[in-house]
Amino acid sequence: MMIRKIGDLATPGNAFTNTDLNLVGEIVNALCAANCFCPDLWRQLTSEFGNTAAAYKLGSCLRLSEIPAMWTSAKFACRNMHRSGFLATEFTQEKHTYLLEMMKHDAVQSEPYAYHIGLSYVNGAYNWEQPVGYQLEPLQGKGFWNPGYPTTTSSSNKCVLNSQQGTELKTGWQNVDCFSVSKNYVCEVEACDTDNYCE
C-alpha cells in the first residue's frame, strides 16, 4: 500500500521501481523528456494528442495564431513570435493529424477548419519552410492533398493551407493565393533543451 502511495507522488509515467526490466532505459527517457520543453504559450508536440501520461515529447513546439493572416504575413508572424520560428511542417500523417487536433481543441477555432502551414511552391517544386538560415526542405511523397489539388500552379496559387472538406472531421492540403487568402496558421520552433537555450 505504501509503495503505491509513493508512486502517486511521481510525475505521470515516472514512478520507477527496481523490478522494472528496463529501469535504466526508463530513467534515460525520463531525463531526456525533462530536458525538452517549450517557451511560454507554445505547445509541445507529443506522440499522442491530449494523453500526456502515455505520450512522449518530440523536439518541436507549436503555436496557433490568434488572428487570421495571409500566408506570406503568417510566415513573417511566425518568425517574429520566437527566434527561429517558422510555419509548421507536416512530414508525417501523425503530425498532420496532431495539428488538426490542436485546432479542434482550441476554443477560438470552429468548423470548417482551415489554417496555413509551411508548404509553398518555390523554384518549380513544393518545399517546407525552415528556420531562417536553413535551406527549404523539399516535399517528399504525395502528401495530404484534398481531391483535385494541387491545382495548376498559377503565378499566385503557390501557398498551402489545410482545409476541411465536407462534414468529415479531417483536413487536406489546398494550394491558394499567398497574398489574398486570410486564415489562421500554425507556427513551429525547435523545443528548448541544453543545446537550444530558450529565455
N, C-alpha and C. Protein backbone atom coordinates (compact mmCIF):
# COMPACT_ATOMS: atom_id res chain seq x y z
N MET A 1 0.82 -1.20 0.00
CA MET A 1 0.00 0.00 0.00
C MET A 1 0.86 1.26 0.00
N MET A 2 1.87 1.29 0.86
CA MET A 2 2.74 2.46 0.96
C MET A 2 3.49 2.69 -0.36
N ILE A 3 3.94 1.62 -1.02
CA ILE A 3 4.66 1.74 -2.29
C ILE A 3 3.78 2.41 -3.33
N ARG A 4 2.53 2.03 -3.43
CA ARG A 4 1.63 2.64 -4.41
C ARG A 4 1.44 4.12 -4.11
N LYS A 5 1.34 4.48 -2.85
CA LYS A 5 1.17 5.89 -2.47
C LYS A 5 2.39 6.71 -2.87
N ILE A 6 3.57 6.15 -2.69
CA ILE A 6 4.78 6.86 -3.09
C ILE A 6 4.77 7.05 -4.61
N GLY A 7 4.33 6.04 -5.34
CA GLY A 7 4.23 6.15 -6.79
C GLY A 7 3.29 7.25 -7.23
N ASP A 8 2.28 7.57 -6.42
CA ASP A 8 1.35 8.66 -6.75
C ASP A 8 2.03 10.02 -6.72
N LEU A 9 3.14 10.13 -6.01
CA LEU A 9 3.87 11.39 -5.92
C LEU A 9 4.68 11.69 -7.18
N ALA A 10 4.99 10.66 -7.93
CA ALA A 10 5.84 10.81 -9.12
C ALA A 10 5.10 11.50 -10.26
N THR A 11 5.86 12.13 -11.12
CA THR A 11 5.31 12.67 -12.35
C THR A 11 4.71 11.50 -13.13
N PRO A 12 3.54 11.68 -13.77
CA PRO A 12 2.95 10.56 -14.52
C PRO A 12 3.95 9.90 -15.46
N GLY A 13 4.03 8.58 -15.36
CA GLY A 13 4.94 7.81 -16.19
C GLY A 13 6.34 7.67 -15.63
N ASN A 14 6.62 8.31 -14.47
CA ASN A 14 7.97 8.28 -13.91
C ASN A 14 8.05 7.62 -12.54
N ALA A 15 7.13 6.76 -12.22
CA ALA A 15 7.18 6.01 -10.95
C ALA A 15 7.95 4.71 -11.20
N PHE A 16 9.27 4.77 -11.09
CA PHE A 16 10.12 3.62 -11.39
C PHE A 16 10.28 2.73 -10.16
N THR A 17 10.46 1.46 -10.41
CA THR A 17 10.77 0.52 -9.32
C THR A 17 11.96 -0.32 -9.75
N ASN A 18 12.62 -0.92 -8.76
CA ASN A 18 13.79 -1.74 -9.08
C ASN A 18 13.41 -3.07 -9.72
N THR A 19 12.12 -3.32 -9.88
CA THR A 19 11.68 -4.54 -10.56
C THR A 19 11.40 -4.31 -12.04
N ASP A 20 11.48 -3.05 -12.49
CA ASP A 20 11.29 -2.75 -13.91
C ASP A 20 12.40 -3.41 -14.72
N LEU A 21 12.03 -4.11 -15.78
CA LEU A 21 13.02 -4.81 -16.60
C LEU A 21 13.94 -3.85 -17.35
N ASN A 22 13.44 -2.67 -17.70
CA ASN A 22 14.23 -1.70 -18.45
C ASN A 22 14.41 -0.43 -17.63
N LEU A 23 14.81 -0.56 -16.39
CA LEU A 23 14.90 0.58 -15.48
C LEU A 23 15.85 1.66 -16.01
N VAL A 24 17.02 1.27 -16.47
CA VAL A 24 17.98 2.25 -16.98
C VAL A 24 17.40 2.99 -18.19
N GLY A 25 16.79 2.26 -19.11
CA GLY A 25 16.18 2.89 -20.28
C GLY A 25 15.06 3.84 -19.90
N GLU A 26 14.25 3.46 -18.92
CA GLU A 26 13.16 4.34 -18.47
C GLU A 26 13.71 5.62 -17.85
N ILE A 27 14.77 5.51 -17.08
CA ILE A 27 15.37 6.69 -16.45
C ILE A 27 15.99 7.60 -17.51
N VAL A 28 16.68 7.02 -18.48
CA VAL A 28 17.27 7.82 -19.57
C VAL A 28 16.17 8.55 -20.33
N ASN A 29 15.08 7.87 -20.67
CA ASN A 29 13.97 8.52 -21.38
C ASN A 29 13.36 9.64 -20.55
N ALA A 30 13.23 9.42 -19.23
CA ALA A 30 12.68 10.45 -18.35
C ALA A 30 13.58 11.68 -18.31
N LEU A 31 14.89 11.47 -18.26
CA LEU A 31 15.82 12.60 -18.26
C LEU A 31 15.77 13.35 -19.58
N CYS A 32 15.66 12.63 -20.67
CA CYS A 32 15.54 13.29 -21.98
C CYS A 32 14.26 14.11 -22.05
N ALA A 33 13.17 13.57 -21.57
CA ALA A 33 11.88 14.28 -21.59
C ALA A 33 11.92 15.51 -20.70
N ALA A 34 12.59 15.41 -19.55
CA ALA A 34 12.69 16.55 -18.64
C ALA A 34 13.53 17.66 -19.25
N ASN A 35 14.41 17.32 -20.16
CA ASN A 35 15.29 18.28 -20.80
C ASN A 35 14.69 18.84 -22.09
N CYS A 36 13.44 18.60 -22.35
CA CYS A 36 12.79 19.03 -23.59
C CYS A 36 11.51 19.76 -23.21
N PHE A 37 11.47 21.08 -23.45
CA PHE A 37 10.29 21.85 -23.05
C PHE A 37 10.08 22.99 -24.05
N CYS A 38 8.96 23.67 -23.90
CA CYS A 38 8.59 24.74 -24.84
C CYS A 38 8.56 26.10 -24.15
N PRO A 39 8.77 27.17 -24.93
CA PRO A 39 8.60 28.51 -24.39
C PRO A 39 7.14 28.73 -23.96
N ASP A 40 6.91 29.74 -23.15
CA ASP A 40 5.55 30.08 -22.74
C ASP A 40 4.67 30.29 -23.98
N LEU A 41 3.43 29.86 -23.89
CA LEU A 41 2.40 29.98 -24.92
C LEU A 41 2.56 29.00 -26.08
N TRP A 42 3.59 28.16 -26.04
CA TRP A 42 3.81 27.16 -27.08
C TRP A 42 3.45 25.79 -26.54
N ARG A 43 3.00 24.90 -27.40
CA ARG A 43 2.57 23.55 -27.01
C ARG A 43 3.58 22.52 -27.52
N GLN A 44 3.98 21.63 -26.63
CA GLN A 44 4.93 20.57 -27.00
C GLN A 44 4.26 19.57 -27.94
N LEU A 45 4.89 19.28 -29.06
CA LEU A 45 4.44 18.21 -29.95
C LEU A 45 4.74 16.90 -29.25
N THR A 46 3.73 16.04 -29.13
CA THR A 46 3.91 14.76 -28.46
C THR A 46 3.44 13.63 -29.37
N SER A 47 3.75 12.42 -28.96
CA SER A 47 3.39 11.26 -29.78
C SER A 47 1.89 11.02 -29.82
N GLU A 48 1.15 11.54 -28.84
CA GLU A 48 -0.31 11.41 -28.81
C GLU A 48 -0.90 12.72 -28.32
N PHE A 49 -1.90 13.23 -29.00
CA PHE A 49 -2.53 14.47 -28.58
C PHE A 49 -3.37 14.23 -27.33
N GLY A 50 -3.18 15.05 -26.32
CA GLY A 50 -4.03 15.03 -25.13
C GLY A 50 -3.75 13.94 -24.12
N ASN A 51 -2.89 12.98 -24.42
CA ASN A 51 -2.60 11.89 -23.49
C ASN A 51 -1.21 12.10 -22.92
N THR A 52 -1.08 13.06 -22.00
CA THR A 52 0.24 13.45 -21.51
C THR A 52 0.94 12.35 -20.73
N ALA A 53 0.19 11.48 -20.08
CA ALA A 53 0.82 10.42 -19.29
C ALA A 53 1.49 9.37 -20.17
N ALA A 54 0.86 9.00 -21.27
CA ALA A 54 1.39 7.93 -22.13
C ALA A 54 2.24 8.45 -23.28
N ALA A 55 2.09 9.71 -23.64
CA ALA A 55 2.79 10.25 -24.80
C ALA A 55 4.22 10.64 -24.45
N TYR A 56 5.09 10.58 -25.42
CA TYR A 56 6.45 11.08 -25.22
C TYR A 56 6.62 12.36 -26.02
N LYS A 57 7.49 13.23 -25.49
CA LYS A 57 7.70 14.53 -26.11
C LYS A 57 8.57 14.41 -27.35
N LEU A 58 8.25 15.24 -28.33
CA LEU A 58 9.05 15.31 -29.55
C LEU A 58 9.74 16.68 -29.58
N GLY A 59 10.70 16.85 -30.44
CA GLY A 59 11.55 18.04 -30.41
C GLY A 59 11.01 19.29 -31.05
N SER A 60 9.69 19.44 -31.11
CA SER A 60 9.09 20.64 -31.71
C SER A 60 8.04 21.23 -30.77
N CYS A 61 7.89 22.54 -30.88
CA CYS A 61 6.85 23.26 -30.16
C CYS A 61 5.96 23.95 -31.19
N LEU A 62 4.67 24.00 -30.91
CA LEU A 62 3.69 24.53 -31.86
C LEU A 62 2.86 25.63 -31.20
N ARG A 63 2.39 26.55 -32.03
CA ARG A 63 1.52 27.62 -31.51
C ARG A 63 0.52 28.02 -32.58
N LEU A 64 -0.75 28.06 -32.19
CA LEU A 64 -1.81 28.51 -33.09
C LEU A 64 -1.84 30.03 -33.11
N SER A 65 -2.16 30.57 -34.27
CA SER A 65 -2.29 32.02 -34.37
C SER A 65 -3.54 32.47 -33.63
N GLU A 66 -3.52 33.72 -33.23
CA GLU A 66 -4.68 34.29 -32.55
C GLU A 66 -5.56 35.07 -33.52
N ILE A 67 -4.98 35.50 -34.63
CA ILE A 67 -5.75 36.21 -35.65
C ILE A 67 -5.38 35.67 -37.03
N PRO A 68 -6.32 35.67 -37.97
CA PRO A 68 -6.02 35.20 -39.32
C PRO A 68 -5.04 36.13 -40.04
N ALA A 69 -4.34 35.57 -41.00
CA ALA A 69 -3.42 36.35 -41.83
C ALA A 69 -3.27 35.66 -43.18
N MET A 70 -2.79 36.40 -44.16
CA MET A 70 -2.45 35.79 -45.44
C MET A 70 -1.17 34.97 -45.25
N TRP A 71 -0.92 34.00 -46.13
CA TRP A 71 0.20 33.06 -45.95
C TRP A 71 1.53 33.80 -45.76
N THR A 72 1.81 34.76 -46.62
CA THR A 72 3.09 35.47 -46.54
C THR A 72 3.20 36.23 -45.22
N SER A 73 2.13 36.87 -44.78
CA SER A 73 2.14 37.56 -43.49
C SER A 73 2.31 36.57 -42.35
N ALA A 74 1.66 35.41 -42.45
CA ALA A 74 1.78 34.37 -41.42
C ALA A 74 3.23 33.89 -41.31
N LYS A 75 3.89 33.75 -42.43
CA LYS A 75 5.29 33.32 -42.44
C LYS A 75 6.15 34.28 -41.61
N PHE A 76 5.96 35.58 -41.81
CA PHE A 76 6.75 36.56 -41.06
C PHE A 76 6.28 36.68 -39.62
N ALA A 77 4.99 36.46 -39.36
CA ALA A 77 4.49 36.48 -37.98
C ALA A 77 5.14 35.37 -37.17
N CYS A 78 5.28 34.18 -37.76
CA CYS A 78 5.94 33.07 -37.05
C CYS A 78 7.38 33.41 -36.74
N ARG A 79 8.07 34.04 -37.68
CA ARG A 79 9.46 34.44 -37.44
C ARG A 79 9.56 35.45 -36.30
N ASN A 80 8.54 36.30 -36.15
CA ASN A 80 8.56 37.31 -35.10
C ASN A 80 8.06 36.82 -33.76
N MET A 81 7.30 35.71 -33.73
CA MET A 81 6.79 35.17 -32.46
C MET A 81 7.91 34.65 -31.58
N HIS A 82 8.90 34.03 -32.21
CA HIS A 82 10.01 33.45 -31.46
C HIS A 82 11.18 33.31 -32.41
N ARG A 83 12.39 33.54 -31.91
CA ARG A 83 13.54 33.38 -32.80
C ARG A 83 13.52 31.98 -33.40
N SER A 84 13.83 31.86 -34.62
CA SER A 84 13.83 30.59 -35.36
C SER A 84 12.44 30.01 -35.58
N GLY A 85 11.38 30.83 -35.45
CA GLY A 85 10.03 30.35 -35.71
C GLY A 85 9.75 30.26 -37.20
N PHE A 86 8.88 29.34 -37.58
CA PHE A 86 8.51 29.17 -38.99
C PHE A 86 7.13 28.53 -39.05
N LEU A 87 6.46 28.65 -40.20
CA LEU A 87 5.17 27.98 -40.39
C LEU A 87 5.38 26.47 -40.28
N ALA A 88 4.46 25.79 -39.63
CA ALA A 88 4.62 24.38 -39.27
C ALA A 88 4.75 23.45 -40.48
N THR A 89 5.56 22.42 -40.29
CA THR A 89 5.72 21.36 -41.28
C THR A 89 4.80 20.19 -40.95
N GLU A 90 4.54 19.37 -41.94
CA GLU A 90 3.75 18.14 -41.75
C GLU A 90 4.44 17.02 -42.52
N PHE A 91 5.56 16.56 -42.00
CA PHE A 91 6.31 15.50 -42.67
C PHE A 91 5.63 14.14 -42.54
N THR A 92 4.75 13.99 -41.54
CA THR A 92 4.12 12.69 -41.28
C THR A 92 2.61 12.82 -41.12
N GLN A 93 1.92 11.71 -41.30
CA GLN A 93 0.47 11.66 -41.06
C GLN A 93 0.17 12.00 -39.60
N GLU A 94 1.02 11.55 -38.69
CA GLU A 94 0.80 11.79 -37.26
C GLU A 94 0.81 13.29 -36.95
N LYS A 95 1.75 14.01 -37.53
CA LYS A 95 1.81 15.45 -37.27
C LYS A 95 0.65 16.16 -37.96
N HIS A 96 0.30 15.73 -39.16
CA HIS A 96 -0.86 16.28 -39.87
C HIS A 96 -2.11 16.16 -38.99
N THR A 97 -2.31 14.99 -38.40
CA THR A 97 -3.46 14.74 -37.52
C THR A 97 -3.34 15.55 -36.23
N TYR A 98 -2.14 15.67 -35.69
CA TYR A 98 -1.92 16.41 -34.44
C TYR A 98 -2.32 17.88 -34.61
N LEU A 99 -1.94 18.49 -35.73
CA LEU A 99 -2.30 19.89 -35.95
C LEU A 99 -3.81 20.07 -36.02
N LEU A 100 -4.50 19.15 -36.66
CA LEU A 100 -5.96 19.22 -36.70
C LEU A 100 -6.53 19.09 -35.29
N GLU A 101 -5.99 18.19 -34.49
CA GLU A 101 -6.46 18.03 -33.10
C GLU A 101 -6.26 19.32 -32.32
N MET A 102 -5.14 20.01 -32.54
CA MET A 102 -4.92 21.30 -31.88
C MET A 102 -6.03 22.28 -32.25
N MET A 103 -6.36 22.33 -33.53
CA MET A 103 -7.43 23.22 -33.99
C MET A 103 -8.76 22.86 -33.35
N LYS A 104 -9.09 21.57 -33.36
CA LYS A 104 -10.38 21.12 -32.84
C LYS A 104 -10.52 21.40 -31.35
N HIS A 105 -9.42 21.40 -30.61
CA HIS A 105 -9.48 21.59 -29.16
C HIS A 105 -9.23 23.03 -28.73
N ASP A 106 -9.08 23.93 -29.69
CA ASP A 106 -8.90 25.34 -29.37
C ASP A 106 -10.27 26.02 -29.35
N ALA A 107 -10.57 26.71 -28.28
CA ALA A 107 -11.90 27.31 -28.09
C ALA A 107 -12.22 28.37 -29.15
N VAL A 108 -11.21 28.99 -29.72
CA VAL A 108 -11.43 30.07 -30.68
C VAL A 108 -11.74 29.52 -32.08
N GLN A 109 -11.26 28.32 -32.40
CA GLN A 109 -11.42 27.75 -33.73
C GLN A 109 -12.78 27.08 -33.89
N SER A 110 -13.28 27.05 -35.11
CA SER A 110 -14.55 26.36 -35.37
C SER A 110 -14.53 25.79 -36.79
N GLU A 111 -15.47 24.89 -37.04
CA GLU A 111 -15.57 24.29 -38.37
C GLU A 111 -16.13 25.31 -39.37
N PRO A 112 -15.83 25.17 -40.62
CA PRO A 112 -14.86 24.25 -41.21
C PRO A 112 -13.44 24.74 -40.92
N TYR A 113 -12.57 23.83 -40.52
CA TYR A 113 -11.20 24.18 -40.16
C TYR A 113 -10.38 24.47 -41.42
N ALA A 114 -9.63 25.55 -41.37
CA ALA A 114 -8.71 25.92 -42.45
C ALA A 114 -7.58 26.73 -41.83
N TYR A 115 -6.35 26.33 -42.10
CA TYR A 115 -5.20 27.01 -41.50
C TYR A 115 -3.96 26.82 -42.36
N HIS A 116 -3.15 27.88 -42.41
CA HIS A 116 -1.93 27.85 -43.20
C HIS A 116 -0.88 26.97 -42.54
N ILE A 117 -0.10 26.27 -43.39
CA ILE A 117 1.06 25.50 -42.95
C ILE A 117 2.25 25.96 -43.79
N GLY A 118 3.43 25.46 -43.49
CA GLY A 118 4.65 25.97 -44.11
C GLY A 118 5.04 25.38 -45.45
N LEU A 119 4.09 24.98 -46.26
CA LEU A 119 4.39 24.41 -47.57
C LEU A 119 4.08 25.44 -48.66
N SER A 120 5.02 25.61 -49.59
CA SER A 120 4.79 26.54 -50.70
C SER A 120 5.56 26.08 -51.94
N TYR A 121 5.14 26.60 -53.08
CA TYR A 121 5.73 26.24 -54.37
C TYR A 121 6.84 27.23 -54.68
N VAL A 122 8.10 26.75 -54.63
CA VAL A 122 9.26 27.61 -54.84
C VAL A 122 10.21 26.92 -55.81
N ASN A 123 10.69 27.65 -56.80
CA ASN A 123 11.67 27.11 -57.76
C ASN A 123 11.21 25.81 -58.40
N GLY A 124 9.93 25.74 -58.79
CA GLY A 124 9.42 24.60 -59.53
C GLY A 124 9.05 23.37 -58.72
N ALA A 125 8.99 23.50 -57.39
CA ALA A 125 8.62 22.34 -56.55
C ALA A 125 8.04 22.83 -55.23
N TYR A 126 7.29 21.94 -54.56
CA TYR A 126 6.77 22.26 -53.23
C TYR A 126 7.85 22.02 -52.19
N ASN A 127 8.03 23.00 -51.31
CA ASN A 127 9.06 22.95 -50.27
C ASN A 127 8.49 23.39 -48.93
N TRP A 128 9.08 22.87 -47.85
CA TRP A 128 8.69 23.22 -46.49
C TRP A 128 9.55 24.36 -45.96
N GLU A 129 8.91 25.30 -45.27
CA GLU A 129 9.62 26.36 -44.57
C GLU A 129 10.53 25.76 -43.50
N GLN A 130 11.60 26.46 -43.20
CA GLN A 130 12.54 26.09 -42.15
C GLN A 130 12.95 27.37 -41.43
N PRO A 131 13.64 27.26 -40.29
CA PRO A 131 14.11 28.48 -39.63
C PRO A 131 15.00 29.30 -40.55
N VAL A 132 15.07 30.60 -40.29
CA VAL A 132 15.92 31.49 -41.08
C VAL A 132 17.35 30.95 -41.05
N GLY A 133 17.98 30.92 -42.21
CA GLY A 133 19.35 30.43 -42.30
C GLY A 133 19.46 28.97 -42.73
N TYR A 134 18.35 28.25 -42.75
CA TYR A 134 18.33 26.85 -43.18
C TYR A 134 17.70 26.76 -44.56
N GLN A 135 18.09 25.76 -45.33
CA GLN A 135 17.51 25.55 -46.65
C GLN A 135 16.10 24.99 -46.54
N LEU A 136 15.26 25.32 -47.51
CA LEU A 136 13.93 24.74 -47.57
C LEU A 136 14.03 23.22 -47.73
N GLU A 137 13.07 22.50 -47.15
CA GLU A 137 13.03 21.04 -47.26
C GLU A 137 12.05 20.65 -48.36
N PRO A 138 12.48 19.92 -49.38
CA PRO A 138 11.56 19.50 -50.45
C PRO A 138 10.46 18.57 -49.92
N LEU A 139 9.28 18.70 -50.47
CA LEU A 139 8.18 17.80 -50.14
C LEU A 139 8.55 16.40 -50.60
N GLN A 140 8.42 15.43 -49.71
CA GLN A 140 8.70 14.03 -50.03
C GLN A 140 7.37 13.29 -50.15
N GLY A 141 7.21 12.46 -51.13
CA GLY A 141 5.98 11.68 -51.26
C GLY A 141 4.83 12.49 -51.81
N LYS A 142 3.64 11.91 -51.70
CA LYS A 142 2.43 12.52 -52.27
C LYS A 142 1.82 13.58 -51.39
N GLY A 143 2.00 13.49 -50.08
CA GLY A 143 1.42 14.46 -49.18
C GLY A 143 -0.04 14.16 -48.87
N PHE A 144 -0.75 15.17 -48.39
CA PHE A 144 -2.13 15.01 -47.90
C PHE A 144 -3.08 15.95 -48.63
N TRP A 145 -3.01 15.95 -49.96
CA TRP A 145 -3.81 16.87 -50.77
C TRP A 145 -5.29 16.48 -50.75
N ASN A 146 -6.15 17.50 -50.72
CA ASN A 146 -7.58 17.28 -50.92
C ASN A 146 -7.79 16.86 -52.37
N PRO A 147 -8.89 16.15 -52.68
CA PRO A 147 -9.17 15.76 -54.07
C PRO A 147 -9.17 16.99 -54.99
N GLY A 148 -8.53 16.86 -56.14
CA GLY A 148 -8.46 17.96 -57.10
C GLY A 148 -7.31 18.92 -56.87
N TYR A 149 -6.49 18.69 -55.87
CA TYR A 149 -5.35 19.56 -55.56
C TYR A 149 -4.06 18.75 -55.63
N PRO A 150 -2.95 19.39 -55.91
CA PRO A 150 -2.83 20.82 -56.15
C PRO A 150 -3.36 21.20 -57.53
N THR A 151 -3.92 22.39 -57.60
CA THR A 151 -4.38 22.89 -58.88
C THR A 151 -3.15 23.36 -59.66
N THR A 152 -3.32 23.60 -60.94
CA THR A 152 -2.21 24.11 -61.73
C THR A 152 -1.67 25.34 -61.03
N THR A 153 -0.40 25.34 -60.81
CA THR A 153 0.20 26.42 -60.04
C THR A 153 0.29 27.68 -60.88
N SER A 154 -0.66 28.58 -60.65
CA SER A 154 -0.63 29.87 -61.34
C SER A 154 0.42 30.74 -60.65
N SER A 155 0.55 31.94 -61.10
CA SER A 155 1.56 32.82 -60.51
C SER A 155 1.27 33.13 -59.05
N SER A 156 0.03 32.93 -58.61
CA SER A 156 -0.30 33.30 -57.23
C SER A 156 -0.69 32.13 -56.34
N ASN A 157 -1.17 31.01 -56.88
CA ASN A 157 -1.62 29.88 -56.05
C ASN A 157 -0.45 28.97 -55.67
N LYS A 158 0.47 29.53 -54.89
CA LYS A 158 1.69 28.80 -54.58
C LYS A 158 1.84 28.45 -53.10
N CYS A 159 0.88 28.82 -52.28
CA CYS A 159 0.99 28.57 -50.85
C CYS A 159 -0.08 27.58 -50.42
N VAL A 160 0.20 26.84 -49.36
CA VAL A 160 -0.66 25.71 -48.99
C VAL A 160 -1.28 25.92 -47.62
N LEU A 161 -2.57 25.54 -47.54
CA LEU A 161 -3.25 25.51 -46.25
C LEU A 161 -3.94 24.16 -46.09
N ASN A 162 -4.26 23.84 -44.86
CA ASN A 162 -5.07 22.67 -44.55
C ASN A 162 -6.51 23.13 -44.57
N SER A 163 -7.38 22.39 -45.23
CA SER A 163 -8.78 22.78 -45.32
C SER A 163 -9.68 21.57 -45.14
N GLN A 164 -10.69 21.74 -44.30
CA GLN A 164 -11.68 20.68 -44.08
C GLN A 164 -12.64 20.67 -45.26
N GLN A 165 -12.87 19.49 -45.81
CA GLN A 165 -13.80 19.33 -46.93
C GLN A 165 -15.01 18.55 -46.46
N GLY A 166 -16.20 19.07 -46.68
CA GLY A 166 -17.42 18.37 -46.29
C GLY A 166 -17.59 18.31 -44.78
N THR A 167 -18.33 17.31 -44.32
CA THR A 167 -18.66 17.22 -42.90
C THR A 167 -17.70 16.33 -42.12
N GLU A 168 -16.81 15.62 -42.83
CA GLU A 168 -15.84 14.78 -42.12
C GLU A 168 -14.85 15.65 -41.36
N LEU A 169 -14.48 15.19 -40.17
CA LEU A 169 -13.53 15.95 -39.36
C LEU A 169 -12.10 15.59 -39.73
N LYS A 170 -11.74 15.85 -40.98
CA LYS A 170 -10.36 15.68 -41.41
C LYS A 170 -10.05 16.79 -42.40
N THR A 171 -8.78 17.06 -42.56
CA THR A 171 -8.36 18.13 -43.46
C THR A 171 -7.39 17.59 -44.50
N GLY A 172 -7.24 18.35 -45.57
CA GLY A 172 -6.27 18.05 -46.61
C GLY A 172 -5.68 19.35 -47.11
N TRP A 173 -4.62 19.24 -47.86
CA TRP A 173 -3.93 20.42 -48.37
C TRP A 173 -4.62 20.99 -49.60
N GLN A 174 -4.57 22.32 -49.70
CA GLN A 174 -5.03 23.04 -50.89
C GLN A 174 -4.04 24.15 -51.17
N ASN A 175 -3.65 24.31 -52.44
CA ASN A 175 -2.80 25.45 -52.77
C ASN A 175 -3.69 26.66 -53.03
N VAL A 176 -3.28 27.80 -52.47
CA VAL A 176 -4.07 29.03 -52.53
C VAL A 176 -3.15 30.21 -52.84
N ASP A 177 -3.77 31.35 -53.08
CA ASP A 177 -3.03 32.59 -53.31
C ASP A 177 -2.30 33.00 -52.03
N CYS A 178 -1.03 33.30 -52.15
CA CYS A 178 -0.21 33.66 -50.98
C CYS A 178 -0.56 35.01 -50.38
N PHE A 179 -1.19 35.87 -51.18
CA PHE A 179 -1.39 37.25 -50.75
C PHE A 179 -2.84 37.65 -50.53
N SER A 180 -3.79 36.73 -50.73
CA SER A 180 -5.19 37.16 -50.59
C SER A 180 -6.05 36.26 -49.71
N VAL A 181 -5.59 35.06 -49.36
CA VAL A 181 -6.40 34.14 -48.55
C VAL A 181 -5.98 34.26 -47.10
N SER A 182 -6.85 34.84 -46.29
CA SER A 182 -6.55 35.08 -44.88
C SER A 182 -7.15 33.96 -44.02
N LYS A 183 -6.29 33.22 -43.33
CA LYS A 183 -6.70 32.11 -42.46
C LYS A 183 -5.82 32.10 -41.22
N ASN A 184 -6.23 31.33 -40.22
CA ASN A 184 -5.35 31.12 -39.08
C ASN A 184 -4.16 30.29 -39.55
N TYR A 185 -3.17 30.12 -38.70
CA TYR A 185 -1.95 29.41 -39.08
C TYR A 185 -1.32 28.78 -37.85
N VAL A 186 -0.39 27.87 -38.10
CA VAL A 186 0.32 27.18 -37.02
C VAL A 186 1.81 27.45 -37.19
N CYS A 187 2.44 27.94 -36.11
CA CYS A 187 3.87 28.19 -36.11
C CYS A 187 4.60 27.06 -35.38
N GLU A 188 5.87 26.92 -35.69
CA GLU A 188 6.69 25.86 -35.10
C GLU A 188 8.06 26.41 -34.73
N VAL A 189 8.61 25.93 -33.62
CA VAL A 189 10.00 26.19 -33.25
C VAL A 189 10.59 24.90 -32.70
N GLU A 190 11.90 24.83 -32.70
CA GLU A 190 12.59 23.69 -32.09
C GLU A 190 12.39 23.76 -30.58
N ALA A 191 12.17 22.63 -29.94
CA ALA A 191 11.98 22.59 -28.49
C ALA A 191 13.25 23.07 -27.78
N CYS A 192 13.07 23.63 -26.60
CA CYS A 192 14.19 24.10 -25.79
C CYS A 192 14.86 22.91 -25.11
N ASP A 193 16.17 22.95 -25.04
CA ASP A 193 16.94 21.92 -24.34
C ASP A 193 18.33 22.47 -24.05
N THR A 194 19.26 21.62 -23.65
CA THR A 194 20.60 22.11 -23.31
C THR A 194 21.34 22.66 -24.51
N ASP A 195 21.00 22.24 -25.71
CA ASP A 195 21.65 22.75 -26.92
C ASP A 195 20.92 23.94 -27.53
N ASN A 196 19.68 24.14 -27.16
CA ASN A 196 18.85 25.22 -27.71
C ASN A 196 18.24 25.99 -26.54
N TYR A 197 19.00 26.94 -26.01
CA TYR A 197 18.56 27.69 -24.84
C TYR A 197 17.41 28.62 -25.19
N CYS A 198 16.37 28.61 -24.37
CA CYS A 198 15.22 29.50 -24.55
C CYS A 198 15.09 30.39 -23.33
N GLU A 199 14.85 31.65 -23.57
CA GLU A 199 14.67 32.59 -22.46
C GLU A 199 13.26 32.55 -21.94
